[in-house]
Amino acid sequence: NSFSMFDTPYCKVGLGICYDIRFAEMAQVYGQKGCQLLIYPG
């Protein structure tokens, strides 16, 4: 029930898992929060 982001010295990263990638709103929130890389294990 939550978004997951973490900071690195390079950029902020947003996380999803597999089916999460189908939901564009989730990725848009990550973009708004400053993520420059999204990683989806799937």
PDB file of all heavy atoms in Angstrom:
ATOM      1  N   ASN A   1       0.808  -1.223   0.000  1.00  0.00           N
ATOM      2  CA  ASN A   1       0.000   0.000   0.000  1.00  0.00           C
ATOM      3  C   ASN A   1       0.839   1.268   0.000  1.00  0.00           C
ATOM      4  O   ASN A   1       0.391   2.302   0.491  1.00  0.00           O
ATOM      5  CB  ASN A   1      -0.928   0.009   1.226  1.00  0.00           C
ATOM      6  CG  ASN A   1      -1.974  -1.086   1.166  1.00  0.00           C
ATOM      7  OD1 ASN A   1      -2.694  -1.215   0.173  1.00  0.00           O
ATOM      8  ND2 ASN A   1      -2.040  -1.903   2.200  1.00  0.00           N
ATOM      9  N   SER A   2       2.043   1.206  -0.574  1.00  0.00           N
ATOM     10  CA  SER A   2       2.875   2.411  -0.561  1.00  0.00           C
ATOM     11  C   SER A   2       3.826   2.435  -1.749  1.00  0.00           C
ATOM     12  O   SER A   2       4.147   1.402  -2.346  1.00  0.00           O
ATOM     13  CB  SER A   2       3.674   2.483   0.743  1.00  0.00           C
ATOM     14  OG  SER A   2       4.552   1.375   0.850  1.00  0.00           O
ATOM     15  N   PHE A   3       4.252   3.645  -2.081  1.00  0.00           N
ATOM     16  CA  PHE A   3       5.290   3.849  -3.075  1.00  0.00           C
ATOM     17  C   PHE A   3       6.650   3.610  -2.413  1.00  0.00           C
ATOM     18  O   PHE A   3       6.780   3.742  -1.199  1.00  0.00           O
ATOM     19  CB  PHE A   3       5.237   5.279  -3.615  1.00  0.00           C
ATOM     20  CG  PHE A   3       3.985   5.597  -4.384  1.00  0.00           C
ATOM     21  CD1 PHE A   3       2.837   6.036  -3.730  1.00  0.00           C
ATOM     22  CD2 PHE A   3       3.953   5.458  -5.764  1.00  0.00           C
ATOM     23  CE1 PHE A   3       1.685   6.337  -4.438  1.00  0.00           C
ATOM     24  CE2 PHE A   3       2.807   5.751  -6.480  1.00  0.00           C
ATOM     25  CZ  PHE A   3       1.668   6.188  -5.819  1.00  0.00           C
ATOM     26  N   SER A   4       7.645   3.284  -3.228  1.00  0.00           N
ATOM     27  CA  SER A   4       8.970   2.996  -2.672  1.00  0.00           C
ATOM     28  C   SER A   4      10.035   3.682  -3.522  1.00  0.00           C
ATOM     29  O   SER A   4      10.169   3.395  -4.715  1.00  0.00           O
ATOM     30  CB  SER A   4       9.223   1.489  -2.642  1.00  0.00           C
ATOM     31  OG  SER A   4       8.210   0.825  -1.901  1.00  0.00           O
ATOM     32  N   MET A   5      10.783   4.577  -2.901  1.00  0.00           N
ATOM     33  CA  MET A   5      11.866   5.302  -3.557  1.00  0.00           C
ATOM     34  C   MET A   5      13.098   5.260  -2.665  1.00  0.00           C
ATOM     35  O   MET A   5      12.990   5.133  -1.455  1.00  0.00           O
ATOM     36  CB  MET A   5      11.465   6.763  -3.799  1.00  0.00           C
ATOM     37  CG  MET A   5      10.321   6.955  -4.769  1.00  0.00           C
ATOM     38  SD  MET A   5       9.596   8.619  -4.686  1.00  0.00           S
ATOM     39  CE  MET A   5       8.308   8.359  -3.439  1.00  0.00           C
ATOM     40  N   PHE A   6      14.268   5.363  -3.287  1.00  0.00           N
ATOM     41  CA  PHE A   6      15.489   5.478  -2.502  1.00  0.00           C
ATOM     42  C   PHE A   6      16.480   6.367  -3.232  1.00  0.00           C
ATOM     43  O   PHE A   6      16.448   6.495  -4.462  1.00  0.00           O
ATOM     44  CB  PHE A   6      16.095   4.111  -2.189  1.00  0.00           C
ATOM     45  CG  PHE A   6      16.602   3.343  -3.385  1.00  0.00           C
ATOM     46  CD1 PHE A   6      17.935   3.383  -3.744  1.00  0.00           C
ATOM     47  CD2 PHE A   6      15.723   2.560  -4.139  1.00  0.00           C
ATOM     48  CE1 PHE A   6      18.405   2.661  -4.839  1.00  0.00           C
ATOM     49  CE2 PHE A   6      16.187   1.833  -5.226  1.00  0.00           C
ATOM     50  CZ  PHE A   6      17.528   1.885  -5.577  1.00  0.00           C
ATOM     51  N   ASP A   7      17.332   7.011  -2.456  1.00  0.00           N
ATOM     52  CA  ASP A   7      18.327   7.937  -3.003  1.00  0.00           C
ATOM     53  C   ASP A   7      19.676   7.253  -3.153  1.00  0.00           C
ATOM     54  O   ASP A   7      20.072   6.420  -2.329  1.00  0.00           O
ATOM     55  CB  ASP A   7      18.478   9.156  -2.089  1.00  0.00           C
ATOM     56  CG  ASP A   7      17.252  10.049  -2.113  1.00  0.00           C
ATOM     57  OD1 ASP A   7      16.835  10.447  -3.216  1.00  0.00           O
ATOM     58  OD2 ASP A   7      16.714  10.352  -1.026  1.00  0.00           O
ATOM     59  N   THR A   8      20.385   7.603  -4.217  1.00  0.00           N
ATOM     60  CA  THR A   8      21.775   7.218  -4.417  1.00  0.00           C
ATOM     61  C   THR A   8      22.551   8.502  -4.693  1.00  0.00           C
ATOM     62  O   THR A   8      21.944   9.555  -4.928  1.00  0.00           O
ATOM     63  CB  THR A   8      21.930   6.260  -5.622  1.00  0.00           C
ATOM     64  OG1 THR A   8      21.790   7.009  -6.837  1.00  0.00           O
ATOM     65  CG2 THR A   8      20.908   5.138  -5.576  1.00  0.00           C
ATOM     66  N   PRO A   9      23.882   8.461  -4.699  1.00  0.00           N
ATOM     67  CA  PRO A   9      24.642   9.659  -5.063  1.00  0.00           C
ATOM     68  C   PRO A   9      24.422  10.064  -6.519  1.00  0.00           C
ATOM     69  O   PRO A   9      24.789  11.175  -6.917  1.00  0.00           O
ATOM     70  CB  PRO A   9      26.104   9.233  -4.841  1.00  0.00           C
ATOM     71  CG  PRO A   9      26.036   8.059  -3.942  1.00  0.00           C
ATOM     72  CD  PRO A   9      24.761   7.362  -4.278  1.00  0.00           C
ATOM     73  N   TYR A  10      23.815   9.178  -7.304  1.00  0.00           N
ATOM     74  CA  TYR A  10      23.645   9.418  -8.732  1.00  0.00           C
ATOM     75  C   TYR A  10      22.276  10.014  -9.041  1.00  0.00           C
ATOM     76  O   TYR A  10      22.172  11.021  -9.737  1.00  0.00           O
ATOM     77  CB  TYR A  10      23.831   8.109  -9.504  1.00  0.00           C
ATOM     78  CG  TYR A  10      24.935   7.254  -8.944  1.00  0.00           C
ATOM     79  CD1 TYR A  10      24.655   6.044  -8.295  1.00  0.00           C
ATOM     80  CD2 TYR A  10      26.264   7.666  -9.013  1.00  0.00           C
ATOM     81  CE1 TYR A  10      25.667   5.266  -7.761  1.00  0.00           C
ATOM     82  CE2 TYR A  10      27.279   6.889  -8.476  1.00  0.00           C
ATOM     83  CZ  TYR A  10      26.975   5.686  -7.837  1.00  0.00           C
ATOM     84  OH  TYR A  10      27.972   4.924  -7.294  1.00  0.00           O
ATOM     85  N   CYS A  11      21.228   9.399  -8.513  1.00  0.00           N
ATOM     86  CA  CYS A  11      19.870   9.876  -8.747  1.00  0.00           C
ATOM     87  C   CYS A  11      18.925   9.173  -7.796  1.00  0.00           C
ATOM     88  O   CYS A  11      19.300   8.226  -7.110  1.00  0.00           O
ATOM     89  CB  CYS A  11      19.438   9.634 -10.197  1.00  0.00           C
ATOM     90  SG  CYS A  11      19.206   7.892 -10.635  1.00  0.00           S
ATOM     91  N   LYS A  12      17.690   9.655  -7.775  1.00  0.00           N
ATOM     92  CA  LYS A  12      16.639   8.981  -7.003  1.00  0.00           C
ATOM     93  C   LYS A  12      16.029   7.881  -7.876  1.00  0.00           C
ATOM     94  O   LYS A  12      15.835   8.062  -9.076  1.00  0.00           O
ATOM     95  CB  LYS A  12      15.558   9.977  -6.568  1.00  0.00           C
ATOM     96  CG  LYS A  12      14.422   9.350  -5.757  1.00  0.00           C
ATOM     97  CD  LYS A  12      13.408  10.377  -5.301  1.00  0.00           C
ATOM     98  CE  LYS A  12      13.927  11.160  -4.113  1.00  0.00           C
ATOM     99  NZ  LYS A  12      12.851  12.001  -3.505  1.00  0.00           N
ATOM    100  N   VAL A  13      15.714   6.734  -7.258  1.00  0.00           N
ATOM    101  CA  VAL A  13      15.203   5.569  -7.973  1.00  0.00           C
ATOM    102  C   VAL A  13      13.831   5.198  -7.430  1.00  0.00           C
ATOM    103  O   VAL A  13      13.614   5.169  -6.207  1.00  0.00           O
ATOM    104  CB  VAL A  13      16.170   4.374  -7.820  1.00  0.00           C
ATOM    105  CG1 VAL A  13      15.649   3.157  -8.590  1.00  0.00           C
ATOM    106  CG2 VAL A  13      17.579   4.750  -8.286  1.00  0.00           C
ATOM    107  N   GLY A  14      12.893   4.898  -8.325  1.00  0.00           N
ATOM    108  CA  GLY A  14      11.571   4.432  -7.947  1.00  0.00           C
ATOM    109  C   GLY A  14      11.414   2.959  -8.257  1.00  0.00           C
ATOM    110  O   GLY A  14      11.958   2.461  -9.255  1.00  0.00           O
ATOM    111  N   LEU A  15      10.660   2.248  -7.415  1.00  0.00           N
ATOM    112  CA  LEU A  15      10.516   0.802  -7.543  1.00  0.00           C
ATOM    113  C   LEU A  15       9.081   0.378  -7.833  1.00  0.00           C
ATOM    114  O   LEU A  15       8.129   0.913  -7.260  1.00  0.00           O
ATOM    115  CB  LEU A  15      10.945   0.104  -6.247  1.00  0.00           C
ATOM    116  CG  LEU A  15      12.417   0.148  -5.849  1.00  0.00           C
ATOM    117  CD1 LEU A  15      12.577  -0.491  -4.475  1.00  0.00           C
ATOM    118  CD2 LEU A  15      13.265  -0.572  -6.877  1.00  0.00           C
ATOM    119  N   GLY A  16       8.958  -0.609  -8.710  1.00  0.00           N
ATOM    120  CA  GLY A  16       7.704  -1.324  -8.911  1.00  0.00           C
ATOM    121  C   GLY A  16       8.042  -2.779  -9.130  1.00  0.00           C
ATOM    122  O   GLY A  16       9.209  -3.133  -9.331  1.00  0.00           O
ATOM    123  N   ILE A  17       7.041  -3.641  -9.107  1.00  0.00           N
ATOM    124  CA  ILE A  17       7.258  -5.063  -9.374  1.00  0.00           C
ATOM    125  C   ILE A  17       6.292  -5.515 -10.461  1.00  0.00           C
ATOM    126  O   ILE A  17       5.072  -5.428 -10.280  1.00  0.00           O
ATOM    127  CB  ILE A  17       7.066  -5.921  -8.108  1.00  0.00           C
ATOM    128  CG1 ILE A  17       8.079  -5.541  -7.024  1.00  0.00           C
ATOM    129  CG2 ILE A  17       7.197  -7.409  -8.441  1.00  0.00           C
ATOM    130  CD1 ILE A  17       7.888  -6.280  -5.702  1.00  0.00           C
ATOM    131  N   CYS A  18       6.833  -5.935 -11.577  1.00  0.00           N
ATOM    132  CA  CYS A  18       6.115  -6.617 -12.648  1.00  0.00           C
ATOM    133  C   CYS A  18       4.809  -5.912 -13.045  1.00  0.00           C
ATOM    134  O   CYS A  18       4.834  -4.910 -13.750  1.00  0.00           O
ATOM    135  CB  CYS A  18       5.878  -8.069 -12.248  1.00  0.00           C
ATOM    136  SG  CYS A  18       5.534  -9.163 -13.663  1.00  0.00           S
ATOM    137  N   TYR A  19       3.678  -6.392 -12.577  1.00  0.00           N
ATOM    138  CA  TYR A  19       2.362  -5.873 -12.971  1.00  0.00           C
ATOM    139  C   TYR A  19       2.213  -4.388 -12.638  1.00  0.00           C
ATOM    140  O   TYR A  19       1.424  -3.687 -13.280  1.00  0.00           O
ATOM    141  CB  TYR A  19       1.291  -6.699 -12.260  1.00  0.00           C
ATOM    142  CG  TYR A  19      -0.099  -6.640 -12.839  1.00  0.00           C
ATOM    143  CD1 TYR A  19      -0.339  -6.796 -14.199  1.00  0.00           C
ATOM    144  CD2 TYR A  19      -1.206  -6.466 -12.009  1.00  0.00           C
ATOM    145  CE1 TYR A  19      -1.613  -6.768 -14.721  1.00  0.00           C
ATOM    146  CE2 TYR A  19      -2.495  -6.437 -12.518  1.00  0.00           C
ATOM    147  CZ  TYR A  19      -2.693  -6.583 -13.880  1.00  0.00           C
ATOM    148  OH  TYR A  19      -3.969  -6.560 -14.391  1.00  0.00           O
ATOM    149  N   ASP A  20       2.986  -3.884 -11.677  1.00  0.00           N
ATOM    150  CA  ASP A  20       2.946  -2.460 -11.342  1.00  0.00           C
ATOM    151  C   ASP A  20       3.240  -1.584 -12.554  1.00  0.00           C
ATOM    152  O   ASP A  20       2.775  -0.439 -12.626  1.00  0.00           O
ATOM    153  CB  ASP A  20       3.965  -2.123 -10.241  1.00  0.00           C
ATOM    154  CG  ASP A  20       3.558  -2.615  -8.858  1.00  0.00           C
ATOM    155  OD1 ASP A  20       2.359  -2.876  -8.631  1.00  0.00           O
ATOM    156  OD2 ASP A  20       4.457  -2.736  -7.993  1.00  0.00           O
ATOM    157  N   ILE A  21       4.021  -2.086 -13.521  1.00  0.00           N
ATOM    158  CA  ILE A  21       4.414  -1.264 -14.664  1.00  0.00           C
ATOM    159  C   ILE A  21       3.225  -0.906 -15.548  1.00  0.00           C
ATOM    160  O   ILE A  21       3.271   0.066 -16.309  1.00  0.00           O
ATOM    161  CB  ILE A  21       5.514  -1.968 -15.496  1.00  0.00           C
ATOM    162  CG1 ILE A  21       6.253  -0.960 -16.376  1.00  0.00           C
ATOM    163  CG2 ILE A  21       4.952  -3.115 -16.311  1.00  0.00           C
ATOM    164  CD1 ILE A  21       7.472  -1.518 -17.087  1.00  0.00           C
ATOM    165  N   ARG A  22       2.145  -1.666 -15.461  1.00  0.00           N
ATOM    166  CA  ARG A  22       0.974  -1.382 -16.296  1.00  0.00           C
ATOM    167  C   ARG A  22       0.191  -0.156 -15.811  1.00  0.00           C
ATOM    168  O   ARG A  22      -0.695   0.331 -16.532  1.00  0.00           O
ATOM    169  CB  ARG A  22       0.035  -2.590 -16.332  1.00  0.00           C
ATOM    170  CG  ARG A  22       0.582  -3.761 -17.141  1.00  0.00           C
ATOM    171  CD  ARG A  22      -0.454  -4.852 -17.303  1.00  0.00           C
ATOM    172  NE  ARG A  22       0.050  -5.979 -18.081  1.00  0.00           N
ATOM    173  CZ  ARG A  22      -0.006  -6.072 -19.408  1.00  0.00           C
ATOM    174  NH1 ARG A  22      -0.561  -5.092 -20.108  1.00  0.00           N
ATOM    175  NH2 ARG A  22       0.480  -7.134 -20.021  1.00  0.00           N
ATOM    176  N   PHE A  23       0.506   0.340 -14.645  1.00  0.00           N
ATOM    177  CA  PHE A  23      -0.277   1.426 -14.049  1.00  0.00           C
ATOM    178  C   PHE A  23       0.536   2.718 -14.153  1.00  0.00           C
ATOM    179  O   PHE A  23       1.430   3.001 -13.352  1.00  0.00           O
ATOM    180  CB  PHE A  23      -0.660   1.064 -12.617  1.00  0.00           C
ATOM    181  CG  PHE A  23      -1.530  -0.170 -12.576  1.00  0.00           C
ATOM    182  CD1 PHE A  23      -0.955  -1.442 -12.552  1.00  0.00           C
ATOM    183  CD2 PHE A  23      -2.910  -0.067 -12.646  1.00  0.00           C
ATOM    184  CE1 PHE A  23      -1.744  -2.590 -12.573  1.00  0.00           C
ATOM    185  CE2 PHE A  23      -3.709  -1.209 -12.664  1.00  0.00           C
ATOM    186  CZ  PHE A  23      -3.127  -2.463 -12.636  1.00  0.00           C
ATOM    187  N   ALA A  24       0.175   3.510 -15.173  1.00  0.00           N
ATOM    188  CA  ALA A  24       0.951   4.701 -15.522  1.00  0.00           C
ATOM    189  C   ALA A  24       0.981   5.718 -14.388  1.00  0.00           C
ATOM    190  O   ALA A  24       1.960   6.462 -14.236  1.00  0.00           O
ATOM    191  CB  ALA A  24       0.372   5.340 -16.782  1.00  0.00           C
ATOM    192  N   GLU A  25      -0.088   5.763 -13.587  1.00  0.00           N
ATOM    193  CA  GLU A  25      -0.154   6.751 -12.506  1.00  0.00           C
ATOM    194  C   GLU A  25       0.985   6.561 -11.507  1.00  0.00           C
ATOM    195  O   GLU A  25       1.525   7.538 -10.963  1.00  0.00           O
ATOM    196  CB  GLU A  25      -1.500   6.659 -11.781  1.00  0.00           C
ATOM    197  CG  GLU A  25      -2.716   6.956 -12.652  1.00  0.00           C
ATOM    198  CD  GLU A  25      -3.232   5.738 -13.407  1.00  0.00           C
ATOM    199  OE1 GLU A  25      -2.548   4.707 -13.434  1.00  0.00           O
ATOM    200  OE2 GLU A  25      -4.332   5.842 -13.995  1.00  0.00           O
ATOM    201  N   MET A  26       1.345   5.325 -11.254  1.00  0.00           N
ATOM    202  CA  MET A  26       2.412   5.036 -10.299  1.00  0.00           C
ATOM    203  C   MET A  26       3.742   5.623 -10.788  1.00  0.00           C
ATOM    204  O   MET A  26       4.469   6.271 -10.034  1.00  0.00           O
ATOM    205  CB  MET A  26       2.526   3.525 -10.111  1.00  0.00           C
ATOM    206  CG  MET A  26       3.425   3.085  -8.977  1.00  0.00           C
ATOM    207  SD  MET A  26       3.266   1.290  -8.723  1.00  0.00           S
ATOM    208  CE  MET A  26       4.360   1.088  -7.337  1.00  0.00           C
ATOM    209  N   ALA A  27       4.032   5.410 -12.068  1.00  0.00           N
ATOM    210  CA  ALA A  27       5.258   5.959 -12.640  1.00  0.00           C
ATOM    211  C   ALA A  27       5.227   7.491 -12.644  1.00  0.00           C
ATOM    212  O   ALA A  27       6.254   8.148 -12.423  1.00  0.00           O
ATOM    213  CB  ALA A  27       5.453   5.427 -14.058  1.00  0.00           C
ATOM    214  N   GLN A  28       4.061   8.075 -12.878  1.00  0.00           N
ATOM    215  CA  GLN A  28       3.947   9.538 -12.883  1.00  0.00           C
ATOM    216  C   GLN A  28       4.239  10.115 -11.506  1.00  0.00           C
ATOM    217  O   GLN A  28       4.898  11.153 -11.385  1.00  0.00           O
ATOM    218  CB  GLN A  28       2.558   9.945 -13.354  1.00  0.00           C
ATOM    219  CG  GLN A  28       2.322   9.713 -14.840  1.00  0.00           C
ATOM    220  CD  GLN A  28       0.901  10.015 -15.255  1.00  0.00           C
ATOM    221  OE1 GLN A  28       0.291  10.977 -14.792  1.00  0.00           O
ATOM    222  NE2 GLN A  28       0.360   9.197 -16.141  1.00  0.00           N
ATOM    223  N   VAL A  29       3.768   9.447 -10.471  1.00  0.00           N
ATOM    224  CA  VAL A  29       4.077   9.905  -9.116  1.00  0.00           C
ATOM    225  C   VAL A  29       5.583   9.866  -8.884  1.00  0.00           C
ATOM    226  O   VAL A  29       6.171  10.815  -8.346  1.00  0.00           O
ATOM    227  CB  VAL A  29       3.341   9.055  -8.064  1.00  0.00           C
ATOM    228  CG1 VAL A  29       3.911   9.296  -6.667  1.00  0.00           C
ATOM    229  CG2 VAL A  29       1.853   9.360  -8.080  1.00  0.00           C
ATOM    230  N   TYR A  30       6.225   8.783  -9.291  1.00  0.00           N
ATOM    231  CA  TYR A  30       7.676   8.697  -9.121  1.00  0.00           C
ATOM    232  C   TYR A  30       8.380   9.839  -9.855  1.00  0.00           C
ATOM    233  O   TYR A  30       9.332  10.432  -9.347  1.00  0.00           O
ATOM    234  CB  TYR A  30       8.189   7.348  -9.626  1.00  0.00           C
ATOM    235  CG  TYR A  30       7.933   6.199  -8.691  1.00  0.00           C
ATOM    236  CD1 TYR A  30       7.579   4.941  -9.166  1.00  0.00           C
ATOM    237  CD2 TYR A  30       8.064   6.344  -7.307  1.00  0.00           C
ATOM    238  CE1 TYR A  30       7.358   3.861  -8.311  1.00  0.00           C
ATOM    239  CE2 TYR A  30       7.840   5.278  -6.443  1.00  0.00           C
ATOM    240  CZ  TYR A  30       7.488   4.051  -6.956  1.00  0.00           C
ATOM    241  OH  TYR A  30       7.269   2.998  -6.098  1.00  0.00           O
ATOM    242  N   GLY A  31       7.916  10.141 -11.061  1.00  0.00           N
ATOM    243  CA  GLY A  31       8.496  11.253 -11.810  1.00  0.00           C
ATOM    244  C   GLY A  31       8.317  12.579 -11.089  1.00  0.00           C
ATOM    245  O   GLY A  31       9.249  13.387 -11.010  1.00  0.00           O
ATOM    246  N   GLN A  32       7.127  12.801 -10.546  1.00  0.00           N
ATOM    247  CA  GLN A  32       6.858  14.035  -9.799  1.00  0.00           C
ATOM    248  C   GLN A  32       7.748  14.164  -8.575  1.00  0.00           C
ATOM    249  O   GLN A  32       8.113  15.266  -8.163  1.00  0.00           O
ATOM    250  CB  GLN A  32       5.391  14.074  -9.370  1.00  0.00           C
ATOM    251  CG  GLN A  32       4.398  14.274 -10.496  1.00  0.00           C
ATOM    252  CD  GLN A  32       2.958  14.156 -10.019  1.00  0.00           C
ATOM    253  OE1 GLN A  32       2.691  13.949  -8.835  1.00  0.00           O
ATOM    254  NE2 GLN A  32       2.024  14.276 -10.939  1.00  0.00           N
ATOM    255  N   LYS A  33       8.103  13.040  -7.983  1.00  0.00           N
ATOM    256  CA  LYS A  33       8.924  13.032  -6.766  1.00  0.00           C
ATOM    257  C   LYS A  33      10.427  13.083  -7.067  1.00  0.00           C
ATOM    258  O   LYS A  33      11.240  12.975  -6.153  1.00  0.00           O
ATOM    259  CB  LYS A  33       8.596  11.799  -5.924  1.00  0.00           C
ATOM    260  CG  LYS A  33       7.160  11.763  -5.395  1.00  0.00           C
ATOM    261  CD  LYS A  33       6.888  12.920  -4.454  1.00  0.00           C
ATOM    262  CE  LYS A  33       5.473  12.870  -3.913  1.00  0.00           C
ATOM    263  NZ  LYS A  33       5.176  14.014  -2.997  1.00  0.00           N
ATOM    264  N   GLY A  34      10.780  13.229  -8.331  1.00  0.00           N
ATOM    265  CA  GLY A  34      12.181  13.423  -8.681  1.00  0.00           C
ATOM    266  C   GLY A  34      12.947  12.190  -9.089  1.00  0.00           C
ATOM    267  O   GLY A  34      14.168  12.247  -9.265  1.00  0.00           O
ATOM    268  N   CYS A  35      12.273  11.046  -9.287  1.00  0.00           N
ATOM    269  CA  CYS A  35      12.982   9.844  -9.727  1.00  0.00           C
ATOM    270  C   CYS A  35      13.418   9.994 -11.188  1.00  0.00           C
ATOM    271  O   CYS A  35      12.659  10.473 -12.031  1.00  0.00           O
ATOM    272  CB  CYS A  35      12.087   8.613  -9.595  1.00  0.00           C
ATOM    273  SG  CYS A  35      11.655   8.208  -7.883  1.00  0.00           S
ATOM    274  N   GLN A  36      14.632   9.568 -11.468  1.00  0.00           N
ATOM    275  CA  GLN A  36      15.155   9.602 -12.833  1.00  0.00           C
ATOM    276  C   GLN A  36      15.384   8.198 -13.393  1.00  0.00           C
ATOM    277  O   GLN A  36      15.650   8.038 -14.573  1.00  0.00           O
ATOM    278  CB  GLN A  36      16.459  10.402 -12.869  1.00  0.00           C
ATOM    279  CG  GLN A  36      16.242  11.881 -12.529  1.00  0.00           C
ATOM    280  CD  GLN A  36      17.551  12.660 -12.490  1.00  0.00           C
ATOM    281  OE1 GLN A  36      18.463  12.312 -11.742  1.00  0.00           O
ATOM    282  NE2 GLN A  36      17.635  13.696 -13.289  1.00  0.00           N
ATOM    283  N   LEU A  37      15.248   7.209 -12.545  1.00  0.00           N
ATOM    284  CA  LEU A  37      15.364   5.806 -12.947  1.00  0.00           C
ATOM    285  C   LEU A  37      14.261   5.025 -12.242  1.00  0.00           C
ATOM    286  O   LEU A  37      14.087   5.148 -11.027  1.00  0.00           O
ATOM    287  CB  LEU A  37      16.731   5.246 -12.552  1.00  0.00           C
ATOM    288  CG  LEU A  37      16.935   3.725 -12.655  1.00  0.00           C
ATOM    289  CD1 LEU A  37      16.817   3.248 -14.095  1.00  0.00           C
ATOM    290  CD2 LEU A  37      18.294   3.328 -12.070  1.00  0.00           C
ATOM    291  N   LEU A  38      13.504   4.250 -13.020  1.00  0.00           N
ATOM    292  CA  LEU A  38      12.488   3.356 -12.466  1.00  0.00           C
ATOM    293  C   LEU A  38      12.929   1.925 -12.741  1.00  0.00           C
ATOM    294  O   LEU A  38      13.303   1.598 -13.871  1.00  0.00           O
ATOM    295  CB  LEU A  38      11.112   3.601 -13.107  1.00  0.00           C
ATOM    296  CG  LEU A  38      10.577   5.040 -13.070  1.00  0.00           C
ATOM    297  CD1 LEU A  38       9.172   5.084 -13.664  1.00  0.00           C
ATOM    298  CD2 LEU A  38      10.579   5.600 -11.661  1.00  0.00           C
ATOM    299  N   ILE A  39      12.906   1.087 -11.717  1.00  0.00           N
ATOM    300  CA  ILE A  39      13.318  -0.306 -11.864  1.00  0.00           C
ATOM    301  C   ILE A  39      12.149  -1.215 -11.499  1.00  0.00           C
ATOM    302  O   ILE A  39      11.558  -1.087 -10.423  1.00  0.00           O
ATOM    303  CB  ILE A  39      14.537  -0.623 -10.987  1.00  0.00           C
ATOM    304  CG1 ILE A  39      15.731   0.228 -11.443  1.00  0.00           C
ATOM    305  CG2 ILE A  39      14.883  -2.112 -11.055  1.00  0.00           C
ATOM    306  CD1 ILE A  39      17.012  -0.035 -10.673  1.00  0.00           C
ATOM    307  N   TYR A  40      11.835  -2.114 -12.430  1.00  0.00           N
ATOM    308  CA  TYR A  40      10.735  -3.062 -12.249  1.00  0.00           C
ATOM    309  C   TYR A  40      11.263  -4.491 -12.394  1.00  0.00           C
ATOM    310  O   TYR A  40      11.381  -4.998 -13.514  1.00  0.00           O
ATOM    311  CB  TYR A  40       9.649  -2.856 -13.305  1.00  0.00           C
ATOM    312  CG  TYR A  40       8.916  -1.537 -13.267  1.00  0.00           C
ATOM    313  CD1 TYR A  40       9.383  -0.443 -13.986  1.00  0.00           C
ATOM    314  CD2 TYR A  40       7.732  -1.389 -12.546  1.00  0.00           C
ATOM    315  CE1 TYR A  40       8.699   0.765 -13.980  1.00  0.00           C
ATOM    316  CE2 TYR A  40       7.035  -0.191 -12.535  1.00  0.00           C
ATOM    317  CZ  TYR A  40       7.526   0.891 -13.256  1.00  0.00           C
ATOM    318  OH  TYR A  40       6.840   2.086 -13.250  1.00  0.00           O
ATOM    319  N   PRO A  41      11.617  -5.177 -11.305  1.00  0.00           N
ATOM    320  CA  PRO A  41      11.808  -6.615 -11.412  1.00  0.00           C
ATOM    321  C   PRO A  41      10.482  -7.230 -11.858  1.00  0.00           C
ATOM    322  O   PRO A  41       9.415  -6.850 -11.346  1.00  0.00           O
ATOM    323  CB  PRO A  41      12.165  -7.037  -9.988  1.00  0.00           C
ATOM    324  CG  PRO A  41      12.610  -5.774  -9.305  1.00  0.00           C
ATOM    325  CD  PRO A  41      11.821  -4.682  -9.923  1.00  0.00           C
ATOM    326  N   GLY A  42      10.516  -8.129 -12.832  1.00  0.00           N
ATOM    327  CA  GLY A  42       9.253  -8.650 -13.341  1.00  0.00           C
ATOM    328  C   GLY A  42       9.413 -10.009 -13.986  1.00  0.00           C
ATOM    329  O   GLY A  42      10.521 -10.417 -14.344  1.00  0.00           O
TER     330      GLY A  42
END
